[in-house]
Protein backbone atom coordinates (compact mmCIF):
# COMPACT_ATOMS: atom_id res chain seq x y z
CA MET A 1 105.32 76.95 126.38
CA LYS A 2 107.82 76.13 129.07
CA VAL A 3 109.55 79.51 128.65
CA GLY A 4 106.95 82.16 128.00
CA ASN A 5 107.00 84.99 125.45
CA HIS A 6 107.17 87.43 128.38
CA SER A 7 110.45 85.94 129.60
CA LEU A 8 111.90 86.07 126.08
CA LEU A 9 110.85 89.68 125.73
CA ILE A 10 112.44 90.72 128.99
CA GLY A 11 115.63 88.86 128.13
CA LYS A 12 115.95 90.50 124.71
CA LEU A 13 115.15 93.94 126.14
CA PHE A 14 117.74 93.63 128.95
CA ALA A 15 120.42 92.44 126.54
CA ASP A 16 119.72 95.29 124.11
CA VAL A 17 119.88 97.90 126.82
CA ILE A 18 123.25 96.57 128.08
CA SER A 19 124.66 96.45 124.52
CA ILE A 20 123.52 100.02 123.68
CA ALA A 21 124.80 101.43 126.99
CA CYS A 22 128.13 99.66 126.63
CA ALA A 23 128.57 100.93 123.07
CA TRP A 24 128.03 104.54 124.22
CA LEU A 25 130.15 104.40 127.34
CA LEU A 26 133.03 102.55 125.62
CA ALA A 27 133.07 105.13 122.85
CA GLY A 28 133.29 107.91 125.50
CA PHE A 29 136.00 106.02 127.50
CA LEU A 30 138.24 105.58 124.46
CA ARG A 31 137.76 109.17 123.29
CA PHE A 32 138.36 110.88 126.62
CA PHE A 33 140.78 108.51 128.42
CA VAL A 34 142.70 106.68 125.68
CA ILE A 35 142.83 108.72 122.44
CA PRO A 36 145.23 111.65 122.72
CA GLY A 37 143.57 115.06 122.94
CA GLY A 38 140.57 114.05 124.95
CA GLN A 39 139.60 115.87 128.22
CA GLN A 40 138.71 113.39 131.00
CA ASP A 41 136.39 115.94 132.57
CA ASP A 42 134.10 115.79 129.49
CA PHE A 43 133.34 112.10 129.98
CA GLY A 44 130.75 112.86 132.71
CA ARG A 45 128.71 115.13 130.44
CA PHE A 46 129.00 112.61 127.63
CA ALA A 47 127.84 109.77 129.84
CA GLN A 48 124.70 111.69 130.72
CA PHE A 49 123.34 111.03 127.27
CA VAL A 50 123.43 107.25 127.57
CA ILE A 51 119.76 107.16 128.54
CA LEU A 52 118.84 109.17 125.44
CA THR A 53 120.61 106.85 123.05
CA VAL A 54 119.19 103.75 124.83
CA VAL A 55 115.61 105.15 124.59
CA TYR A 56 115.99 106.12 120.87
CA THR A 57 117.48 102.84 119.79
CA ILE A 58 115.08 100.63 121.81
CA PHE A 59 112.16 102.62 120.28
CA PHE A 60 113.14 101.84 116.74
CA ILE A 61 114.07 98.22 117.55
CA SER A 62 110.53 97.77 119.00
CA ARG A 63 108.95 99.71 116.11
CA ASN A 64 110.56 97.47 113.59
CA GLY A 65 109.18 94.34 115.22
CA LEU A 66 112.40 92.90 116.69
CA TYR A 67 110.75 92.00 120.01
CA GLU A 68 108.22 89.78 118.26
CA GLU A 69 108.82 86.07 117.61
CA ASP A 70 108.06 84.72 114.12
CA LEU A 71 107.73 81.10 113.12
CA GLU A 72 110.85 81.05 110.93
CA HIS A 73 113.06 83.03 113.32
CA SER A 74 115.16 84.24 110.30
CA TRP A 75 118.57 85.61 111.32
CA ARG A 76 118.83 87.42 107.98
CA LYS A 77 115.55 89.30 108.40
CA GLN A 78 116.33 90.22 112.00
CA THR A 79 119.82 91.54 111.13
CA THR A 80 118.45 93.63 108.33
CA LYS A 81 115.80 95.17 110.61
CA LEU A 82 118.51 95.64 113.27
CA PHE A 83 120.73 97.65 110.87
CA ILE A 84 117.72 99.87 109.99
CA SER A 85 116.78 100.37 113.63
CA ILE A 86 120.32 101.32 114.57
CA PHE A 87 120.59 103.80 111.67
CA GLU A 88 117.25 105.41 112.47
CA GLY A 89 118.04 105.70 116.19
CA PHE A 90 121.45 107.15 115.44
CA LEU A 91 120.07 109.68 112.97
CA LEU A 92 117.48 110.89 115.49
CA LEU A 93 120.19 111.10 118.14
CA VAL A 94 122.42 113.23 116.00
CA VAL A 95 119.58 115.60 115.07
CA THR A 96 118.59 115.94 118.74
CA LEU A 97 122.14 116.68 119.88
CA PHE A 98 122.66 119.23 117.01
CA PHE A 99 119.42 121.28 117.60
CA LEU A 100 118.71 121.00 121.31
CA PHE A 101 122.06 120.92 123.00
CA PRO A 102 124.28 123.96 122.43
CA GLN A 103 127.36 122.29 123.99
CA LYS A 104 128.52 119.98 121.25
CA LEU A 105 129.65 116.47 122.00
CA SER A 106 132.75 114.94 120.42
CA ARG A 107 131.94 113.83 116.86
CA LEU A 108 134.61 111.19 117.05
CA SER A 109 132.96 109.59 120.11
CA ILE A 110 129.53 109.67 118.45
CA GLY A 111 131.00 108.05 115.33
CA MET A 112 132.75 105.39 117.41
CA HIS A 113 129.45 104.77 119.25
CA PHE A 114 127.72 103.98 115.96
CA ILE A 115 130.36 101.41 115.00
CA PHE A 116 130.32 99.78 118.43
CA LEU A 117 126.53 99.78 118.47
CA VAL A 118 126.41 97.78 115.21
CA VAL A 119 129.04 95.29 116.42
CA PHE A 120 127.58 94.83 119.90
CA LEU A 121 123.90 94.52 118.84
CA VAL A 122 124.58 92.16 115.92
CA PHE A 123 126.80 90.06 118.09
CA GLU A 124 124.36 89.99 121.01
CA ARG A 125 121.28 89.27 118.77
CA THR A 126 123.24 86.52 117.03
CA LEU A 127 123.95 84.83 120.39
CA ILE A 128 120.32 85.19 121.46
CA SER A 129 119.08 83.81 118.10
CA SER A 130 121.45 80.81 118.43
CA ALA A 131 120.30 80.17 121.97
CA ILE A 132 116.62 80.31 121.02
CA GLN A 133 117.21 77.96 118.09
CA LYS A 134 118.84 75.46 120.53
CA ALA A 135 116.03 75.88 122.96
CA TYR A 136 113.52 75.04 120.18
CA GLN A 137 115.47 71.94 119.30
CA LYS A 138 115.63 70.70 122.94
CA GLY A 139 111.96 71.49 123.57
CA ILE A 140 112.67 74.10 126.17
CA ILE A 141 110.68 76.58 124.15
CA SER A 142 107.72 75.56 121.94
CA ARG A 143 104.94 77.46 120.14
CA ARG A 144 101.56 75.77 120.34
CA ILE A 145 99.44 76.24 117.19
CA LEU A 146 95.69 75.62 116.82
CA LEU A 147 94.30 75.23 113.34
CA VAL A 148 90.68 76.32 112.76
CA GLY A 149 88.83 75.36 109.59
CA PHE A 150 89.80 73.39 106.56
CA GLY A 151 90.64 73.77 102.86
CA ASP A 152 93.69 74.14 100.58
CA ASN A 153 95.12 77.26 102.33
CA LEU A 154 95.13 75.55 105.74
CA GLU A 155 96.66 72.43 104.28
CA LYS A 156 99.47 74.42 102.65
CA TYR A 157 100.07 76.21 105.99
CA GLU A 158 100.27 72.90 107.89
CA LYS A 159 102.82 71.52 105.36
CA ALA A 160 104.87 74.73 105.68
CA LEU A 161 105.15 74.16 109.44
CA HIS A 162 107.27 71.04 108.64
CA SER A 163 109.94 73.17 106.87
CA LYS A 164 113.51 72.85 108.22
CA ARG A 165 113.52 76.56 108.89
CA VAL A 166 110.50 76.32 111.20
CA GLN A 167 111.34 74.86 114.66
CA GLY A 168 109.80 74.62 118.03
CA VAL A 169 106.25 74.27 116.66
CA LYS A 170 103.67 71.97 118.23
CA LEU A 171 100.40 71.44 116.43
CA ILE A 172 97.85 70.87 119.15
CA GLY A 173 94.75 70.28 117.09
CA GLN A 174 92.25 71.24 114.33
CA PHE A 175 88.92 72.77 115.36
CA ASP A 176 85.85 72.93 113.12
CA GLY A 177 87.48 70.62 110.46
CA GLN A 178 84.12 69.29 109.33
CA GLY A 179 85.60 65.85 108.91
CA LYS A 180 88.35 67.11 106.61
CA LYS A 181 91.43 66.25 108.59
CA ILE A 182 94.67 68.18 107.97
CA GLY A 183 97.88 66.31 108.56
CA GLY A 184 98.03 64.47 111.82
CA ALA A 185 96.21 67.16 113.74
CA LEU A 186 93.92 66.05 116.60
CA GLN A 187 90.28 66.72 115.69
CA ILE A 188 88.39 68.98 118.09
CA LYS A 189 84.65 69.03 117.33
CA GLU A 190 82.86 70.29 120.50
CA GLY A 191 82.47 73.78 121.96
CA THR A 192 83.06 77.30 120.80
CA LEU A 193 86.40 78.67 119.74
CA ARG A 194 86.94 80.46 122.99
CA GLU A 195 86.15 77.24 124.97
CA VAL A 196 88.61 75.25 122.83
CA VAL A 197 91.30 77.94 123.29
CA GLU A 198 90.84 77.88 127.05
CA GLN A 199 91.23 74.05 127.09
CA THR A 200 94.22 73.78 124.65
CA LYS A 201 96.00 77.10 125.53
CA PRO A 202 97.59 77.76 122.11
CA ASP A 203 100.05 80.57 121.45
CA LEU A 204 98.79 81.00 117.89
CA VAL A 205 95.38 80.44 116.31
CA VAL A 206 95.33 80.07 112.49
CA ILE A 207 92.02 80.34 110.73
CA GLY A 208 91.46 79.16 107.08
CA TYR A 209 88.46 78.20 105.06
CA PRO A 210 87.79 77.72 101.31
CA PRO A 211 85.97 80.59 99.50
CA THR A 212 82.64 78.68 99.54
CA GLU A 213 82.61 78.72 103.37
CA TYR A 214 82.78 82.47 103.76
CA PRO A 215 79.71 82.69 106.15
CA ARG A 216 81.17 80.02 108.33
CA GLN A 217 84.59 81.82 108.30
CA GLN A 218 82.92 85.03 109.36
CA LYS A 219 81.23 83.31 112.26
CA ILE A 220 84.60 81.93 113.51
CA VAL A 221 86.34 85.30 112.96
CA ALA A 222 83.68 86.94 115.18
CA GLN A 223 84.50 84.40 117.89
CA ALA A 224 88.23 85.02 117.41
CA LEU A 225 87.78 88.72 118.27
CA ASP A 226 86.89 87.66 121.79
CA LEU A 227 90.31 86.03 122.34
CA LEU A 228 92.48 88.35 124.51
CA ASN A 229 95.80 86.62 125.05
CA GLU A 230 96.31 84.57 121.89
CA LYS A 231 97.60 85.73 118.59
CA VAL A 232 95.15 85.08 115.74
CA GLN A 233 95.95 84.86 112.02
CA LEU A 234 93.52 84.57 109.13
CA LEU A 235 94.60 82.92 105.84
CA PRO A 236 92.99 85.00 103.06
CA THR A 237 91.93 83.55 99.78
CA LEU A 238 94.01 85.22 97.07
CA PRO A 239 94.53 84.38 93.39
CA GLN A 240 98.09 83.23 93.99
CA SER A 241 100.34 83.13 97.02
CA TYR A 242 102.93 85.16 95.23
CA ILE A 243 100.73 88.26 94.76
CA SER A 244 102.10 90.99 96.93
CA THR A 245 99.62 92.35 99.48
CA LYS A 246 99.36 95.30 101.80
CA ILE A 247 96.57 95.83 104.32
CA SER A 248 95.48 99.40 105.12
CA ASP A 249 92.29 101.27 105.74
CA PHE A 250 90.33 104.08 104.06
CA ARG A 251 88.07 105.85 106.47
CA TRP A 252 87.80 102.73 108.65
CA VAL A 253 87.11 100.56 105.59
CA PRO A 254 89.69 97.63 105.33
CA VAL A 255 91.61 97.73 102.05
CA LEU A 256 93.77 94.92 100.67
CA THR A 257 96.24 96.16 98.08
CA LEU A 258 97.19 93.25 95.74
CA ASN A 259 100.05 94.90 93.80
CA ALA A 260 101.98 96.57 96.60
CA ALA A 261 105.41 95.11 95.67
CA GLU A 262 107.67 98.09 95.07
CA ILE A 263 110.92 99.78 96.29
CA GLY A 264 110.57 103.21 97.89
CA VAL A 265 112.06 106.45 96.55
CA PHE A 266 115.08 106.47 98.92
CA GLY A 267 115.65 102.78 98.20
CA ARG A 268 115.59 103.32 94.46
CA ILE A 269 118.23 106.14 94.81
CA MET A 270 120.51 103.90 96.91
CA LYS A 271 120.05 101.00 94.50
CA ARG A 272 120.95 103.14 91.50
CA LEU A 273 124.10 104.45 93.25
CA PHE A 274 125.10 100.90 94.18
CA ASP A 275 124.57 99.81 90.52
CA VAL A 276 126.70 102.57 89.03
CA VAL A 277 129.52 102.35 91.47
CA SER A 278 129.76 98.51 91.59
CA CYS A 279 129.41 98.02 87.83
CA SER A 280 131.93 100.71 86.99
CA LEU A 281 134.46 98.99 89.32
CA ALA A 282 133.56 95.62 87.72
CA VAL A 283 134.21 96.91 84.27
CA THR A 284 137.57 98.35 85.31
CA ILE A 285 138.69 95.19 87.05
CA LEU A 286 137.31 92.73 84.44
CA SER A 287 138.44 94.65 81.36
CA PRO A 288 141.27 92.11 80.56
CA VAL A 289 138.73 89.28 80.78
CA LEU A 290 136.28 91.13 78.56
CA LEU A 291 138.92 91.77 75.90
CA LEU A 292 140.09 88.16 76.04
CA ILE A 293 136.58 86.73 75.60
CA ALA A 294 135.92 89.16 72.72
CA PHE A 295 139.21 88.05 71.03
CA ILE A 296 138.32 84.32 71.36
CA ILE A 297 134.83 84.81 69.99
CA LYS A 298 136.17 86.76 67.01
CA VAL A 299 138.75 84.15 66.04
CA THR A 300 136.65 81.06 66.58
CA SER A 301 133.52 81.89 64.63
CA PRO A 302 132.44 84.46 62.04
CA GLY A 303 130.17 87.26 63.15
CA PRO A 304 129.96 90.12 65.62
CA VAL A 305 131.40 89.80 69.22
CA ILE A 306 128.36 91.37 70.83
CA PHE A 307 124.88 89.95 70.42
CA LYS A 308 122.08 92.50 70.77
CA GLN A 309 118.51 91.55 71.57
CA LYS A 310 115.33 93.44 72.52
CA ARG A 311 114.19 92.73 76.07
CA ILE A 312 111.62 94.13 78.54
CA THR A 313 112.55 96.06 81.74
CA LYS A 314 110.88 98.31 84.31
CA GLY A 315 107.46 99.67 83.15
CA GLU A 316 107.50 97.13 80.28
CA GLU A 317 109.86 99.37 78.33
CA VAL A 318 111.81 97.76 75.53
CA PHE A 319 115.58 98.08 75.57
CA THR A 320 118.56 96.61 73.83
CA MET A 321 120.41 94.02 75.97
CA TYR A 322 124.05 93.17 75.26
CA LYS A 323 125.60 89.75 75.52
CA PHE A 324 128.70 88.08 74.22
CA ARG A 325 127.68 86.14 71.07
CA SER A 326 127.44 82.43 71.88
CA MET A 327 125.54 81.21 68.80
CA ARG A 328 126.30 80.78 65.12
CA ASN A 329 124.94 83.32 62.64
CA ASP A 330 124.28 80.88 59.82
CA ILE A 331 121.46 78.92 61.62
CA PRO A 332 118.07 80.79 61.93
CA GLU A 333 116.49 80.90 65.39
CA GLY A 334 113.00 79.88 64.24
CA ASP A 335 110.19 80.08 66.83
CA VAL A 336 110.88 82.18 69.96
CA HIS A 337 111.82 79.79 72.78
CA TRP A 338 114.54 79.27 75.40
CA THR A 339 117.79 77.68 74.46
CA GLU A 340 117.63 73.91 75.06
CA GLU A 341 120.33 71.40 75.96
CA ASN A 342 122.63 70.40 73.02
CA ASP A 343 121.18 73.28 70.92
CA PRO A 344 123.01 73.05 67.50
CA ARG A 345 123.13 76.89 67.28
CA VAL A 346 125.49 77.21 70.27
CA THR A 347 129.15 77.47 69.38
CA LYS A 348 131.91 75.52 71.27
CA ILE A 349 133.12 78.63 73.13
CA GLY A 350 129.46 79.61 73.54
CA LYS A 351 128.75 76.50 75.57
CA LEU A 352 131.42 77.54 78.07
CA LEU A 353 130.33 81.10 78.16
CA ARG A 354 126.64 80.15 78.82
CA LYS A 355 127.51 77.50 81.39
CA THR A 356 129.55 79.94 83.32
CA SER A 357 127.27 82.95 82.55
CA LEU A 358 130.30 84.90 81.23
CA ASP A 359 128.19 85.77 78.18
CA GLU A 360 126.21 88.10 80.47
CA LEU A 361 129.18 90.32 81.35
CA PRO A 362 128.43 93.04 78.66
CA GLN A 363 125.21 93.69 80.60
CA LEU A 364 127.37 95.63 82.99
CA PHE A 365 127.19 98.42 80.40
CA ASN A 366 123.35 98.09 80.33
CA VAL A 367 123.36 98.70 84.10
CA ILE A 368 125.66 101.75 83.85
CA GLY A 369 123.36 103.08 81.08
CA GLY A 370 120.32 102.72 83.24
CA SER A 371 118.28 100.14 81.31
CA MET A 372 119.09 97.36 83.78
CA SER A 373 120.08 96.92 87.44
CA LEU A 374 122.82 94.64 88.83
CA ILE A 375 120.17 92.71 90.81
CA GLY A 376 116.56 92.19 89.68
CA PRO A 377 114.22 89.92 87.71
CA ARG A 378 115.81 88.56 84.55
CA PRO A 379 114.50 90.32 81.39
CA GLU A 380 112.55 88.36 78.77
CA ARG A 381 111.94 89.01 75.10
CA PRO A 382 108.78 91.04 74.16
CA GLU A 383 107.18 88.05 72.44
CA LEU A 384 107.51 85.89 75.55
CA VAL A 385 106.39 88.68 77.87
CA GLU A 386 103.19 89.17 75.89
CA LYS A 387 102.56 85.43 76.03
CA PHE A 388 103.27 85.15 79.77
CA ASN A 389 101.20 88.21 80.61
CA SER A 390 98.12 86.53 79.21
CA GLU A 391 98.81 83.12 80.75
CA ILE A 392 100.29 83.76 84.22
CA PRO A 393 98.56 86.00 86.82
CA GLY A 394 100.91 88.46 88.42
CA TYR A 395 103.64 88.18 85.73
CA ARG A 396 103.52 91.90 85.03
CA MET A 397 104.53 92.62 88.67
CA ARG A 398 108.12 91.69 87.76
CA HIS A 399 108.23 94.88 85.79
CA ARG A 400 107.85 97.19 88.73
CA VAL A 401 111.64 97.31 88.98
CA ARG A 402 114.52 97.29 86.47
CA ALA A 403 115.53 93.89 85.01
CA GLY A 404 118.76 92.52 86.52
CA ILE A 405 121.87 90.68 85.50
CA SER A 406 121.24 88.32 88.39
CA GLY A 407 118.35 87.87 90.81
CA TRP A 408 116.94 85.99 93.80
CA ALA A 409 115.27 83.45 91.49
CA GLN A 410 118.55 82.76 89.57
CA VAL A 411 120.73 82.16 92.60
CA ASN A 412 118.07 79.68 93.85
CA GLY A 413 118.24 77.70 90.61
CA TRP A 414 115.15 79.09 88.85
CA ARG A 415 116.58 80.04 85.48
CA GLY A 416 116.36 78.77 81.93
CA ASN A 417 113.63 76.27 81.16
CA THR A 418 112.24 75.99 84.75
CA SER A 419 108.95 76.78 86.43
CA LEU A 420 107.79 80.33 85.67
CA GLU A 421 105.43 80.37 88.70
CA ARG A 422 108.26 79.62 91.06
CA ARG A 423 110.41 82.21 89.40
CA ILE A 424 107.77 84.87 89.80
CA GLU A 425 107.34 83.91 93.47
CA PHE A 426 111.08 84.51 94.09
CA ASP A 427 111.16 87.72 92.03
CA LEU A 428 108.17 89.18 93.88
CA PHE A 429 109.67 88.14 97.25
CA TYR A 430 112.79 90.07 96.23
CA ILE A 431 110.84 93.23 95.38
CA ARG A 432 108.81 93.12 98.64
CA ASN A 433 111.82 92.48 100.80
CA TRP A 434 114.44 94.58 99.06
CA THR A 435 117.29 96.08 101.04
CA LEU A 436 120.80 97.00 100.00
CA LEU A 437 122.04 94.16 102.15
CA PHE A 438 119.76 91.81 100.25
CA ASP A 439 121.40 92.96 96.95
CA LEU A 440 124.82 92.40 98.45
CA ARG A 441 123.75 88.85 99.57
CA ILE A 442 122.61 88.04 96.05
CA VAL A 443 125.87 89.39 94.60
CA ILE A 444 127.82 87.08 96.94
CA PHE A 445 125.54 84.12 96.09
CA THR A 446 125.99 84.83 92.37
CA ILE A 447 129.78 84.87 92.67
CA PHE A 448 129.93 81.60 94.56
CA LYS A 449 127.02 79.62 93.13
CA GLY A 450 125.12 81.62 90.57
CA PHE A 451 127.49 81.68 87.63
CA VAL A 452 127.64 77.92 86.96
CA ASN A 453 124.16 76.37 86.79
CA GLU A 454 122.86 73.05 85.40
CA ASN A 455 119.92 74.85 83.72
CA ALA A 456 122.11 77.19 81.72
CA TYR A 457 122.60 75.85 78.14
């Protein structure tokens, strides 16, 4: 690595400290020197607390892993963690000032500091992220990876390194491959793991073996524990890559929780508030559209305007889902299956409604009523859920949250008659990584690219 991790860490830390201090001092300057009513003499006492806000914010930034480099270098993930860190540091600062310092500081200046802090840190981190990406592309920074072992998991990992989102990676070799070469990796056969690491100087060592080679894997893991300066990762053998996992310990016994995908209590409260407020506004704004669609359905084909169907939501509870009717009533459905292209049951207006997903709009009332969420895994019929539960490992995990009108799988094209396995992967990724910003992102994606879809018939 031409530019070391240590240099990147110092650069990020220095930039963060400057941004936090500038946000605090600018808020004080505007409050006491620019905005009418401020006393200039109070600025000195206000400025004394700059060290406190720097320490608090840096602590949470570090605690949330923002000084660590990951292979994907995802701007979205970093920004989400940054918002959380800023909020946590600000909350601790407010509590400290309220209980420990009798002379109250200006609430306006503290509020302005929070706004400036968000703007400064996001802007600064965006610039740093862009600079690091360019450095990866030019080869100024690279991350040297040593593969150890063989098998399907290690092969999948090597292929993932070629993703467009992964840059600045240099695969320096494969040790203990037992003649089973992975990709174009240089084969290293001689020496111990520590000797190979001293020769190749990797930044990351990735260990992976098939289940039948467990004793061999344990031997290599024991050697990996002797490595002091290199990061070591072990690829575990799990039933499916989409199964959510959480590593913890019970009385010093390692425990791997396979079904840890869930949203915390505070998160569920925030998500519910977001659902009620956003869907209530949507119903108010879209009421003319809802009435127009209802009128067109009524005059173009006999039958009810609203189609009701039993679906499955959180906890595998059965609920009645509402949709605008898009099919004829005089043709029986037959066996339970997804709607196919050129299905004779679909009406002319129904084709348009399905293609644009406008038939889903009545589900806004499902969300307000609490049986659904605005964003979440799409609900299926009880018959299909029973079938999928017995055929697909991990399918039940989707029901740890409320079913949604739109979801991460849908905006990525996994809807209708597409791969269930891929859909589950995206649904569980959403549950594991849920934030309010993630919901907002999916809402925006749904508006711009999620309504019209080639797989919607």
